[in-house]
Amino acid sequence: MFLNNFFRTAGTNDKIEILSPSEFKKATLNKSVQLLDVRTPNEYKMGTVKGAKNLNVFDPAGFQTEAAKLNKETPVYLFCQSGNRSKSASKLLVKMGFTQIYDLRGGYSNWS
């Protein structure tokens, strides 16, 4: 239990929560959410989580322009391939004023 809580909060702040694949799936299937795939368009085309919108974090201007169109008060669920880019994207979203961010632990490669 200690390790699970450690990984949930390690390197995050109170606006970003890392979810296991099962927690992420449960949260995104039960309601209408802002679901973001922050990988490249080519990665996105190769497969994504159903309902995810592609906001490429490697295109900072495009990412910020599209993210600015989202509701800052509605939870944002995001993922990349392994978790590194989504961590960066989460921090950008916090700087932009988003208050509830949920990141998929291990990224899309951990999605089943």
PDB file of N, CA and C in Angstrom:
ATOM      1  N   MET A   1       0.821  -1.190   0.000  1.00  0.00           N
ATOM      2  CA  MET A   1       0.000   0.000   0.000  1.00  0.00           C
ATOM      3  C   MET A   1       0.867   1.258   0.000  1.00  0.00           C
ATOM      4  N   PHE A   2       1.912   1.258   0.806  1.00  0.00           N
ATOM      5  CA  PHE A   2       2.807   2.413   0.858  1.00  0.00           C
ATOM      6  C   PHE A   2       3.373   2.718  -0.524  1.00  0.00           C
ATOM      7  N   LEU A   3       3.852   1.687  -1.233  1.00  0.00           N
ATOM      8  CA  LEU A   3       4.436   1.921  -2.554  1.00  0.00           C
ATOM      9  C   LEU A   3       3.400   2.459  -3.530  1.00  0.00           C
ATOM     10  N   ASN A   4       2.183   1.931  -3.472  1.00  0.00           N
ATOM     11  CA  ASN A   4       1.129   2.411  -4.358  1.00  0.00           C
ATOM     12  C   ASN A   4       0.881   3.903  -4.115  1.00  0.00           C
ATOM     13  N   ASN A   5       0.798   4.313  -2.857  1.00  0.00           N
ATOM     14  CA  ASN A   5       0.592   5.721  -2.542  1.00  0.00           C
ATOM     15  C   ASN A   5       1.806   6.549  -2.936  1.00  0.00           C
ATOM     16  N   PHE A   6       2.997   5.991  -2.772  1.00  0.00           N
ATOM     17  CA  PHE A   6       4.212   6.703  -3.156  1.00  0.00           C
ATOM     18  C   PHE A   6       4.197   6.997  -4.657  1.00  0.00           C
ATOM     19  N   PHE A   7       3.895   5.991  -5.464  1.00  0.00           N
ATOM     20  CA  PHE A   7       3.898   6.191  -6.915  1.00  0.00           C
ATOM     21  C   PHE A   7       2.743   7.095  -7.353  1.00  0.00           C
ATOM     22  N   ARG A   8       1.667   7.079  -6.648  1.00  0.00           N
ATOM     23  CA  ARG A   8       0.524   7.918  -6.987  1.00  0.00           C
ATOM     24  C   ARG A   8       0.880   9.394  -6.837  1.00  0.00           C
ATOM     25  N   THR A   9       1.716   9.727  -5.838  1.00  0.00           N
ATOM     26  CA  THR A   9       1.992  11.130  -5.555  1.00  0.00           C
ATOM     27  C   THR A   9       3.413  11.551  -5.900  1.00  0.00           C
ATOM     28  N   ALA A  10       4.295  10.614  -6.171  1.00  0.00           N
ATOM     29  CA  ALA A  10       5.689  10.963  -6.442  1.00  0.00           C
ATOM     30  C   ALA A  10       5.803  11.845  -7.676  1.00  0.00           C
ATOM     31  N   GLY A  11       6.450  13.002  -7.520  1.00  0.00           N
ATOM     32  CA  GLY A  11       6.686  13.883  -8.652  1.00  0.00           C
ATOM     33  C   GLY A  11       5.453  14.608  -9.155  1.00  0.00           C
ATOM     34  N   THR A  12       4.399  14.619  -8.399  1.00  0.00           N
ATOM     35  CA  THR A  12       3.189  15.304  -8.826  1.00  0.00           C
ATOM     36  C   THR A  12       2.848  16.387  -7.818  1.00  0.00           C
ATOM     37  N   ASN A  13       1.876  17.186  -8.143  1.00  0.00           N
ATOM     38  CA  ASN A  13       1.364  18.124  -7.157  1.00  0.00           C
ATOM     39  C   ASN A  13      -0.089  17.788  -6.909  1.00  0.00           C
ATOM     40  N   ASP A  14      -0.776  18.611  -6.151  1.00  0.00           N
ATOM     41  CA  ASP A  14      -2.148  18.278  -5.779  1.00  0.00           C
ATOM     42  C   ASP A  14      -3.158  18.397  -6.916  1.00  0.00           C
ATOM     43  N   LYS A  15      -2.742  18.871  -8.082  1.00  0.00           N
ATOM     44  CA  LYS A  15      -3.641  18.985  -9.228  1.00  0.00           C
ATOM     45  C   LYS A  15      -3.456  17.851 -10.229  1.00  0.00           C
ATOM     46  N   ILE A  16      -2.420  17.038 -10.052  1.00  0.00           N
ATOM     47  CA  ILE A  16      -2.120  15.936 -10.971  1.00  0.00           C
ATOM     48  C   ILE A  16      -2.152  14.630 -10.188  1.00  0.00           C
ATOM     49  N   GLU A  17      -2.913  13.676 -10.693  1.00  0.00           N
ATOM     50  CA  GLU A  17      -2.958  12.356 -10.067  1.00  0.00           C
ATOM     51  C   GLU A  17      -2.638  11.300 -11.110  1.00  0.00           C
ATOM     52  N   ILE A  18      -1.755  10.379 -10.741  1.00  0.00           N
ATOM     53  CA  ILE A  18      -1.386   9.272 -11.621  1.00  0.00           C
ATOM     54  C   ILE A  18      -2.333   8.109 -11.321  1.00  0.00           C
ATOM     55  N   LEU A  19      -2.994   7.607 -12.364  1.00  0.00           N
ATOM     56  CA  LEU A  19      -3.946   6.505 -12.194  1.00  0.00           C
ATOM     57  C   LEU A  19      -3.423   5.224 -12.831  1.00  0.00           C
ATOM     58  N   SER A  20      -3.736   4.106 -12.214  1.00  0.00           N
ATOM     59  CA  SER A  20      -3.433   2.810 -12.812  1.00  0.00           C
ATOM     60  C   SER A  20      -4.315   2.646 -14.041  1.00  0.00           C
ATOM     61  N   PRO A  21      -3.955   1.734 -14.955  1.00  0.00           N
ATOM     62  CA  PRO A  21      -4.812   1.514 -16.123  1.00  0.00           C
ATOM     63  C   PRO A  21      -6.262   1.186 -15.757  1.00  0.00           C
ATOM     64  N   SER A  22      -6.479   0.389 -14.718  1.00  0.00           N
ATOM     65  CA  SER A  22      -7.856   0.043 -14.346  1.00  0.00           C
ATOM     66  C   SER A  22      -8.603   1.261 -13.795  1.00  0.00           C
ATOM     67  N   GLU A  23      -7.939   2.087 -12.993  1.00  0.00           N
ATOM     68  CA  GLU A  23      -8.578   3.304 -12.480  1.00  0.00           C
ATOM     69  C   GLU A  23      -8.892   4.271 -13.622  1.00  0.00           C
ATOM     70  N   PHE A  24      -7.950   4.415 -14.547  1.00  0.00           N
ATOM     71  CA  PHE A  24      -8.106   5.314 -15.694  1.00  0.00           C
ATOM     72  C   PHE A  24      -9.275   4.857 -16.559  1.00  0.00           C
ATOM     73  N   LYS A  25      -9.320   3.555 -16.838  1.00  0.00           N
ATOM     74  CA  LYS A  25     -10.390   3.007 -17.676  1.00  0.00           C
ATOM     75  C   LYS A  25     -11.744   3.216 -17.018  1.00  0.00           C
ATOM     76  N   LYS A  26     -11.828   2.934 -15.740  1.00  0.00           N
ATOM     77  CA  LYS A  26     -13.084   3.091 -15.009  1.00  0.00           C
ATOM     78  C   LYS A  26     -13.547   4.551 -15.046  1.00  0.00           C
ATOM     79  N   ALA A  27     -12.635   5.475 -14.838  1.00  0.00           N
ATOM     80  CA  ALA A  27     -12.984   6.902 -14.817  1.00  0.00           C
ATOM     81  C   ALA A  27     -13.409   7.416 -16.188  1.00  0.00           C
ATOM     82  N   THR A  28     -12.764   6.943 -17.239  1.00  0.00           N
ATOM     83  CA  THR A  28     -13.058   7.470 -18.571  1.00  0.00           C
ATOM     84  C   THR A  28     -14.251   6.790 -19.233  1.00  0.00           C
ATOM     85  N   LEU A  29     -14.618   5.619 -18.794  1.00  0.00           N
ATOM     86  CA  LEU A  29     -15.765   4.918 -19.384  1.00  0.00           C
ATOM     87  C   LEU A  29     -17.093   5.354 -18.778  1.00  0.00           C
ATOM     88  N   ASN A  30     -17.067   5.838 -17.548  1.00  0.00           N
ATOM     89  CA  ASN A  30     -18.303   6.109 -16.827  1.00  0.00           C
ATOM     90  C   ASN A  30     -18.921   7.469 -17.086  1.00  0.00           C
ATOM     91  N   LYS A  31     -18.192   8.378 -17.731  1.00  0.00           N
ATOM     92  CA  LYS A  31     -18.742   9.709 -17.933  1.00  0.00           C
ATOM     93  C   LYS A  31     -18.077  10.381 -19.120  1.00  0.00           C
ATOM     94  N   SER A  32     -18.624  11.505 -19.497  1.00  0.00           N
ATOM     95  CA  SER A  32     -18.030  12.311 -20.556  1.00  0.00           C
ATOM     96  C   SER A  32     -16.869  13.108 -19.950  1.00  0.00           C
ATOM     97  N   VAL A  33     -15.672  12.870 -20.442  1.00  0.00           N
ATOM     98  CA  VAL A  33     -14.483  13.522 -19.903  1.00  0.00           C
ATOM     99  C   VAL A  33     -13.665  14.143 -21.026  1.00  0.00           C
ATOM    100  N   GLN A  34     -12.732  14.980 -20.657  1.00  0.00           N
ATOM    101  CA  GLN A  34     -11.774  15.534 -21.597  1.00  0.00           C
ATOM    102  C   GLN A  34     -10.612  14.539 -21.623  1.00  0.00           C
ATOM    103  N   LEU A  35     -10.526  13.759 -22.693  1.00  0.00           N
ATOM    104  CA  LEU A  35      -9.540  12.689 -22.814  1.00  0.00           C
ATOM    105  C   LEU A  35      -8.538  13.056 -23.897  1.00  0.00           C
ATOM    106  N   LEU A  36      -7.259  13.176 -23.515  1.00  0.00           N
ATOM    107  CA  LEU A  36      -6.222  13.643 -24.426  1.00  0.00           C
ATOM    108  C   LEU A  36      -5.121  12.614 -24.634  1.00  0.00           C
ATOM    109  N   ASP A  37      -4.802  12.377 -25.889  1.00  0.00           N
ATOM    110  CA  ASP A  37      -3.647  11.581 -26.290  1.00  0.00           C
ATOM    111  C   ASP A  37      -2.593  12.597 -26.717  1.00  0.00           C
ATOM    112  N   VAL A  38      -1.508  12.720 -25.942  1.00  0.00           N
ATOM    113  CA  VAL A  38      -0.519  13.769 -26.202  1.00  0.00           C
ATOM    114  C   VAL A  38       0.653  13.275 -27.055  1.00  0.00           C
ATOM    115  N   ARG A  39       0.469  12.133 -27.724  1.00  0.00           N
ATOM    116  CA  ARG A  39       1.503  11.602 -28.611  1.00  0.00           C
ATOM    117  C   ARG A  39       1.454  12.299 -29.967  1.00  0.00           C
ATOM    118  N   THR A  40       2.349  11.907 -30.853  1.00  0.00           N
ATOM    119  CA  THR A  40       2.389  12.486 -32.198  1.00  0.00           C
ATOM    120  C   THR A  40       1.182  11.997 -33.004  1.00  0.00           C
ATOM    121  N   PRO A  41       0.821  12.717 -34.062  1.00  0.00           N
ATOM    122  CA  PRO A  41      -0.287  12.268 -34.909  1.00  0.00           C
ATOM    123  C   PRO A  41      -0.071  10.860 -35.479  1.00  0.00           C
ATOM    124  N   ASN A  42       1.167  10.523 -35.837  1.00  0.00           N
ATOM    125  CA  ASN A  42       1.423   9.171 -36.357  1.00  0.00           C
ATOM    126  C   ASN A  42       1.176   8.106 -35.305  1.00  0.00           C
ATOM    127  N   GLU A  43       1.601   8.353 -34.068  1.00  0.00           N
ATOM    128  CA  GLU A  43       1.336   7.394 -32.984  1.00  0.00           C
ATOM    129  C   GLU A  43      -0.170   7.270 -32.756  1.00  0.00           C
ATOM    130  N   TYR A  44      -0.850   8.396 -32.773  1.00  0.00           N
ATOM    131  CA  TYR A  44      -2.299   8.439 -32.567  1.00  0.00           C
ATOM    132  C   TYR A  44      -3.015   7.584 -33.619  1.00  0.00           C
ATOM    133  N   LYS A  45      -2.597   7.712 -34.877  1.00  0.00           N
ATOM    134  CA  LYS A  45      -3.214   6.958 -35.975  1.00  0.00           C
ATOM    135  C   LYS A  45      -3.023   5.448 -35.818  1.00  0.00           C
ATOM    136  N   MET A  46      -1.950   5.049 -35.135  1.00  0.00           N
ATOM    137  CA  MET A  46      -1.667   3.620 -34.965  1.00  0.00           C
ATOM    138  C   MET A  46      -2.531   2.976 -33.884  1.00  0.00           C
ATOM    139  N   GLY A  47      -3.261   3.787 -33.147  1.00  0.00           N
ATOM    140  CA  GLY A  47      -4.151   3.276 -32.109  1.00  0.00           C
ATOM    141  C   GLY A  47      -4.177   4.208 -30.915  1.00  0.00           C
ATOM    142  N   THR A  48      -5.360   4.334 -30.326  1.00  0.00           N
ATOM    143  CA  THR A  48      -5.526   5.222 -29.176  1.00  0.00           C
ATOM    144  C   THR A  48      -6.662   4.719 -28.311  1.00  0.00           C
ATOM    145  N   VAL A  49      -6.894   5.381 -27.203  1.00  0.00           N
ATOM    146  CA  VAL A  49      -8.027   5.076 -26.343  1.00  0.00           C
ATOM    147  C   VAL A  49      -9.269   5.695 -26.982  1.00  0.00           C
ATOM    148  N   LYS A  50     -10.337   4.927 -27.050  1.00  0.00           N
ATOM    149  CA  LYS A  50     -11.566   5.394 -27.686  1.00  0.00           C
ATOM    150  C   LYS A  50     -12.013   6.726 -27.091  1.00  0.00           C
ATOM    151  N   GLY A  51     -12.266   7.692 -27.982  1.00  0.00           N
ATOM    152  CA  GLY A  51     -12.737   9.003 -27.563  1.00  0.00           C
ATOM    153  C   GLY A  51     -11.651  10.025 -27.290  1.00  0.00           C
ATOM    154  N   ALA A  52     -10.386   9.617 -27.398  1.00  0.00           N
ATOM    155  CA  ALA A  52      -9.285  10.536 -27.106  1.00  0.00           C
ATOM    156  C   ALA A  52      -9.062  11.528 -28.240  1.00  0.00           C
ATOM    157  N   LYS A  53      -8.781  12.757 -27.862  1.00  0.00           N
ATOM    158  CA  LYS A  53      -8.433  13.815 -28.808  1.00  0.00           C
ATOM    159  C   LYS A  53      -6.909  13.912 -28.836  1.00  0.00           C
ATOM    160  N   ASN A  54      -6.343  14.072 -30.018  1.00  0.00           N
ATOM    161  CA  ASN A  54      -4.886  14.158 -30.159  1.00  0.00           C
ATOM    162  C   ASN A  54      -4.407  15.604 -30.009  1.00  0.00           C
ATOM    163  N   LEU A  55      -3.579  15.848 -28.986  1.00  0.00           N
ATOM    164  CA  LEU A  55      -2.905  17.136 -28.771  1.00  0.00           C
ATOM    165  C   LEU A  55      -1.426  16.824 -28.610  1.00  0.00           C
ATOM    166  N   ASN A  56      -0.682  16.958 -29.667  1.00  0.00           N
ATOM    167  CA  ASN A  56       0.732  16.599 -29.705  1.00  0.00           C
ATOM    168  C   ASN A  56       1.561  17.539 -28.828  1.00  0.00           C
ATOM    169  N   VAL A  57       2.105  17.012 -27.747  1.00  0.00           N
ATOM    170  CA  VAL A  57       2.900  17.839 -26.827  1.00  0.00           C
ATOM    171  C   VAL A  57       4.233  18.258 -27.457  1.00  0.00           C
ATOM    172  N   PHE A  58       4.668  17.559 -28.520  1.00  0.00           N
ATOM    173  CA  PHE A  58       5.893  17.955 -29.225  1.00  0.00           C
ATOM    174  C   PHE A  58       5.673  19.171 -30.128  1.00  0.00           C
ATOM    175  N   ASP A  59       4.423  19.618 -30.240  1.00  0.00           N
ATOM    176  CA  ASP A  59       4.078  20.845 -30.965  1.00  0.00           C
ATOM    177  C   ASP A  59       3.546  21.826 -29.911  1.00  0.00           C
ATOM    178  N   PRO A  60       4.464  22.485 -29.174  1.00  0.00           N
ATOM    179  CA  PRO A  60       4.046  23.316 -28.033  1.00  0.00           C
ATOM    180  C   PRO A  60       3.003  24.382 -28.369  1.00  0.00           C
ATOM    181  N   ALA A  61       3.162  25.081 -29.486  1.00  0.00           N
ATOM    182  CA  ALA A  61       2.204  26.127 -29.850  1.00  0.00           C
ATOM    183  C   ALA A  61       0.829  25.527 -30.130  1.00  0.00           C
ATOM    184  N   GLY A  62       0.801  24.455 -30.916  1.00  0.00           N
ATOM    185  CA  GLY A  62      -0.458  23.785 -31.221  1.00  0.00           C
ATOM    186  C   GLY A  62      -1.099  23.191 -29.978  1.00  0.00           C
ATOM    187  N   PHE A  63      -0.282  22.597 -29.122  1.00  0.00           N
ATOM    188  CA  PHE A  63      -0.773  22.005 -27.881  1.00  0.00           C
ATOM    189  C   PHE A  63      -1.457  23.075 -27.027  1.00  0.00           C
ATOM    190  N   GLN A  64      -0.779  24.197 -26.829  1.00  0.00           N
ATOM    191  CA  GLN A  64      -1.334  25.255 -25.981  1.00  0.00           C
ATOM    192  C   GLN A  64      -2.582  25.881 -26.594  1.00  0.00           C
ATOM    193  N   THR A  65      -2.583  26.052 -27.913  1.00  0.00           N
ATOM    194  CA  THR A  65      -3.750  26.622 -28.588  1.00  0.00           C
ATOM    195  C   THR A  65      -4.966  25.728 -28.397  1.00  0.00           C
ATOM    196  N   GLU A  66      -4.794  24.427 -28.619  1.00  0.00           N
ATOM    197  CA  GLU A  66      -5.916  23.491 -28.486  1.00  0.00           C
ATOM    198  C   GLU A  66      -6.316  23.283 -27.024  1.00  0.00           C
ATOM    199  N   ALA A  67      -5.340  23.211 -26.127  1.00  0.00           N
ATOM    200  CA  ALA A  67      -5.637  23.032 -24.703  1.00  0.00           C
ATOM    201  C   ALA A  67      -6.407  24.233 -24.155  1.00  0.00           C
ATOM    202  N   ALA A  68      -6.125  25.425 -24.672  1.00  0.00           N
ATOM    203  CA  ALA A  68      -6.821  26.634 -24.223  1.00  0.00           C
ATOM    204  C   ALA A  68      -8.312  26.587 -24.535  1.00  0.00           C
ATOM    205  N   LYS A  69      -8.719  25.746 -25.473  1.00  0.00           N
ATOM    206  CA  LYS A  69     -10.129  25.612 -25.847  1.00  0.00           C
ATOM    207  C   LYS A  69     -10.891  24.685 -24.900  1.00  0.00           C
ATOM    208  N   LEU A  70     -10.163  23.971 -24.038  1.00  0.00           N
ATOM    209  CA  LEU A  70     -10.793  23.025 -23.119  1.00  0.00           C
ATOM    210  C   LEU A  70     -11.310  23.750 -21.873  1.00  0.00           C
ATOM    211  N   ASN A  71     -12.232  23.106 -21.180  1.00  0.00           N
ATOM    212  CA  ASN A  71     -12.781  23.647 -19.940  1.00  0.00           C
ATOM    213  C   ASN A  71     -11.806  23.372 -18.800  1.00  0.00           C
ATOM    214  N   LYS A  72     -11.285  24.416 -18.180  1.00  0.00           N
ATOM    215  CA  LYS A  72     -10.287  24.275 -17.117  1.00  0.00           C
ATOM    216  C   LYS A  72     -10.867  23.710 -15.831  1.00  0.00           C
ATOM    217  N   GLU A  73     -12.177  23.745 -15.685  1.00  0.00           N
ATOM    218  CA  GLU A  73     -12.825  23.237 -14.467  1.00  0.00           C
ATOM    219  C   GLU A  73     -13.228  21.762 -14.586  1.00  0.00           C
ATOM    220  N   THR A  74     -13.219  21.236 -15.810  1.00  0.00           N
ATOM    221  CA  THR A  74     -13.586  19.833 -16.039  1.00  0.00           C
ATOM    222  C   THR A  74     -12.331  18.972 -15.994  1.00  0.00           C
ATOM    223  N   PRO A  75     -12.380  17.818 -15.326  1.00  0.00           N
ATOM    224  CA  PRO A  75     -11.194  16.958 -15.257  1.00  0.00           C
ATOM    225  C   PRO A  75     -10.640  16.604 -16.635  1.00  0.00           C
ATOM    226  N   VAL A  76      -9.317  16.546 -16.721  1.00  0.00           N
ATOM    227  CA  VAL A  76      -8.624  16.169 -17.951  1.00  0.00           C
ATOM    228  C   VAL A  76      -7.904  14.849 -17.683  1.00  0.00           C
ATOM    229  N   TYR A  77      -8.133  13.881 -18.556  1.00  0.00           N
ATOM    230  CA  TYR A  77      -7.446  12.591 -18.499  1.00  0.00           C
ATOM    231  C   TYR A  77      -6.514  12.539 -19.697  1.00  0.00           C
ATOM    232  N   LEU A  78      -5.238  12.239 -19.466  1.00  0.00           N
ATOM    233  CA  LEU A  78      -4.302  12.242 -20.578  1.00  0.00           C
ATOM    234  C   LEU A  78      -3.307  11.100 -20.479  1.00  0.00           C
ATOM    235  N   PHE A  79      -2.696  10.828 -21.632  1.00  0.00           N
ATOM    236  CA  PHE A  79      -1.709   9.761 -21.714  1.00  0.00           C
ATOM    237  C   PHE A  79      -0.804   9.999 -22.912  1.00  0.00           C
ATOM    238  N   CYS A  80       0.369   9.366 -22.859  1.00  0.00           N
ATOM    239  CA  CYS A  80       1.289   9.339 -24.004  1.00  0.00           C
ATOM    240  C   CYS A  80       1.647   7.872 -24.216  1.00  0.00           C
ATOM    241  N   GLN A  81       2.824   7.589 -24.714  1.00  0.00           N
ATOM    242  CA  GLN A  81       3.208   6.196 -24.936  1.00  0.00           C
ATOM    243  C   GLN A  81       3.662   5.509 -23.643  1.00  0.00           C
ATOM    244  N   SER A  82       4.522   6.205 -22.865  1.00  0.00           N
ATOM    245  CA  SER A  82       5.088   5.559 -21.679  1.00  0.00           C
ATOM    246  C   SER A  82       4.864   6.322 -20.377  1.00  0.00           C
ATOM    247  N   GLY A  83       4.418   7.558 -20.455  1.00  0.00           N
ATOM    248  CA  GLY A  83       4.188   8.356 -19.255  1.00  0.00           C
ATOM    249  C   GLY A  83       5.074   9.587 -19.140  1.00  0.00           C
ATOM    250  N   ASN A  84       6.145   9.672 -19.933  1.00  0.00           N
ATOM    251  CA  ASN A  84       7.052  10.815 -19.835  1.00  0.00           C
ATOM    252  C   ASN A  84       6.456  12.088 -20.430  1.00  0.00           C
ATOM    253  N   ARG A  85       5.942  12.002 -21.635  1.00  0.00           N
ATOM    254  CA  ARG A  85       5.371  13.191 -22.276  1.00  0.00           C
ATOM    255  C   ARG A  85       4.108  13.663 -21.565  1.00  0.00           C
ATOM    256  N   SER A  86       3.305  12.720 -21.075  1.00  0.00           N
ATOM    257  CA  SER A  86       2.085  13.131 -20.380  1.00  0.00           C
ATOM    258  C   SER A  86       2.417  13.833 -19.067  1.00  0.00           C
ATOM    259  N   LYS A  87       3.518  13.465 -18.457  1.00  0.00           N
ATOM    260  CA  LYS A  87       3.966  14.167 -17.248  1.00  0.00           C
ATOM    261  C   LYS A  87       4.279  15.624 -17.589  1.00  0.00           C
ATOM    262  N   SER A  88       4.993  15.849 -18.691  1.00  0.00           N
ATOM    263  CA  SER A  88       5.296  17.215 -19.140  1.00  0.00           C
ATOM    264  C   SER A  88       4.018  17.962 -19.507  1.00  0.00           C
ATOM    265  N   ALA A  89       3.128  17.277 -20.228  1.00  0.00           N
ATOM    266  CA  ALA A  89       1.873  17.896 -20.635  1.00  0.00           C
ATOM    267  C   ALA A  89       1.033  18.264 -19.409  1.00  0.00           C
ATOM    268  N   SER A  90       1.040  17.425 -18.390  1.00  0.00           N
ATOM    269  CA  SER A  90       0.296  17.704 -17.159  1.00  0.00           C
ATOM    270  C   SER A  90       0.791  18.984 -16.509  1.00  0.00           C
ATOM    271  N   LYS A  91       2.097  19.138 -16.458  1.00  0.00           N
ATOM    272  CA  LYS A  91       2.675  20.346 -15.862  1.00  0.00           C
ATOM    273  C   LYS A  91       2.307  21.588 -16.661  1.00  0.00           C
ATOM    274  N   LEU A  92       2.278  21.470 -17.993  1.00  0.00           N
ATOM    275  CA  LEU A  92       1.853  22.594 -18.830  1.00  0.00           C
ATOM    276  C   LEU A  92       0.397  22.958 -18.546  1.00  0.00           C
ATOM    277  N   LEU A  93      -0.444  21.952 -18.401  1.00  0.00           N
ATOM    278  CA  LEU A  93      -1.856  22.200 -18.132  1.00  0.00           C
ATOM    279  C   LEU A  93      -2.051  22.897 -16.785  1.00  0.00           C
ATOM    280  N   VAL A  94      -1.271  22.508 -15.782  1.00  0.00           N
ATOM    281  CA  VAL A  94      -1.342  23.182 -14.482  1.00  0.00           C
ATOM    282  C   VAL A  94      -0.979  24.654 -14.645  1.00  0.00           C
ATOM    283  N   LYS A  95       0.081  24.931 -15.394  1.00  0.00           N
ATOM    284  CA  LYS A  95       0.496  26.322 -15.634  1.00  0.00           C
ATOM    285  C   LYS A  95      -0.582  27.112 -16.365  1.00  0.00           C
ATOM    286  N   MET A  96      -1.387  26.415 -17.168  1.00  0.00           N
ATOM    287  CA  MET A  96      -2.462  27.061 -17.918  1.00  0.00           C
ATOM    288  C   MET A  96      -3.724  27.246 -17.077  1.00  0.00           C
ATOM    289  N   GLY A  97      -3.731  26.712 -15.854  1.00  0.00           N
ATOM    290  CA  GLY A  97      -4.866  26.908 -14.959  1.00  0.00           C
ATOM    291  C   GLY A  97      -5.798  25.724 -14.776  1.00  0.00           C
ATOM    292  N   PHE A  98      -5.463  24.572 -15.334  1.00  0.00           N
ATOM    293  CA  PHE A  98      -6.293  23.383 -15.134  1.00  0.00           C
ATOM    294  C   PHE A  98      -6.098  22.876 -13.707  1.00  0.00           C
ATOM    295  N   THR A  99      -7.172  22.389 -13.106  1.00  0.00           N
ATOM    296  CA  THR A  99      -7.117  22.041 -11.689  1.00  0.00           C
ATOM    297  C   THR A  99      -7.242  20.547 -11.390  1.00  0.00           C
ATOM    298  N   GLN A 100      -7.742  19.760 -12.340  1.00  0.00           N
ATOM    299  CA  GLN A 100      -7.916  18.314 -12.123  1.00  0.00           C
ATOM    300  C   GLN A 100      -7.352  17.567 -13.318  1.00  0.00           C
ATOM    301  N   ILE A 101      -6.175  16.976 -13.133  1.00  0.00           N
ATOM    302  CA  ILE A 101      -5.488  16.291 -14.229  1.00  0.00           C
ATOM    303  C   ILE A 101      -5.181  14.866 -13.784  1.00  0.00           C
ATOM    304  N   TYR A 102      -5.538  13.921 -14.637  1.00  0.00           N
ATOM    305  CA  TYR A 102      -5.329  12.506 -14.357  1.00  0.00           C
ATOM    306  C   TYR A 102      -4.490  11.907 -15.475  1.00  0.00           C
ATOM    307  N   ASP A 103      -3.365  11.325 -15.094  1.00  0.00           N
ATOM    308  CA  ASP A 103      -2.382  10.793 -16.036  1.00  0.00           C
ATOM    309  C   ASP A 103      -2.363   9.268 -15.934  1.00  0.00           C
ATOM    310  N   LEU A 104      -2.344   8.603 -17.072  1.00  0.00           N
ATOM    311  CA  LEU A 104      -2.311   7.137 -17.128  1.00  0.00           C
ATOM    312  C   LEU A 104      -0.908   6.627 -16.821  1.00  0.00           C
ATOM    313  N   ARG A 105      -0.747   5.914 -15.713  1.00  0.00           N
ATOM    314  CA  ARG A 105       0.553   5.352 -15.333  1.00  0.00           C
ATOM    315  C   ARG A 105       1.034   4.368 -16.396  1.00  0.00           C
ATOM    316  N   GLY A 106       2.233   4.598 -16.914  1.00  0.00           N
ATOM    317  CA  GLY A 106       2.807   3.707 -17.915  1.00  0.00           C
ATOM    318  C   GLY A 106       2.368   4.012 -19.336  1.00  0.00           C
ATOM    319  N   GLY A 107       1.452   4.956 -19.498  1.00  0.00           N
ATOM    320  CA  GLY A 107       1.025   5.379 -20.835  1.00  0.00           C
ATOM    321  C   GLY A 107       0.252   4.326 -21.610  1.00  0.00           C
ATOM    322  N   TYR A 108       0.104   4.599 -22.903  1.00  0.00           N
ATOM    323  CA  TYR A 108      -0.677   3.740 -23.785  1.00  0.00           C
ATOM    324  C   TYR A 108      -0.073   2.343 -23.881  1.00  0.00           C
ATOM    325  N   SER A 109       1.240   2.244 -23.726  1.00  0.00           N
ATOM    326  CA  SER A 109       1.872   0.921 -23.770  1.00  0.00           C
ATOM    327  C   SER A 109       1.413   0.050 -22.594  1.00  0.00           C
ATOM    328  N   ASN A 110       0.837   0.653 -21.565  1.00  0.00           N
ATOM    329  CA  ASN A 110       0.339  -0.074 -20.397  1.00  0.00           C
ATOM    330  C   ASN A 110      -1.174  -0.304 -20.491  1.00  0.00           C
ATOM    331  N   TRP A 111      -1.791   0.207 -21.541  1.00  0.00           N
ATOM    332  CA  TRP A 111      -3.242   0.093 -21.751  1.00  0.00           C
ATOM    333  C   TRP A 111      -3.569  -1.250 -22.371  1.00  0.00           C
ATOM    334  N   SER A 112      -4.604  -1.898 -21.903  1.00  0.00           N
ATOM    335  CA  SER A 112      -4.961  -3.195 -22.491  1.00  0.00           C
ATOM    336  C   SER A 112      -6.382  -3.200 -22.987  1.00  0.00           C
TER     337      SER A 112
END
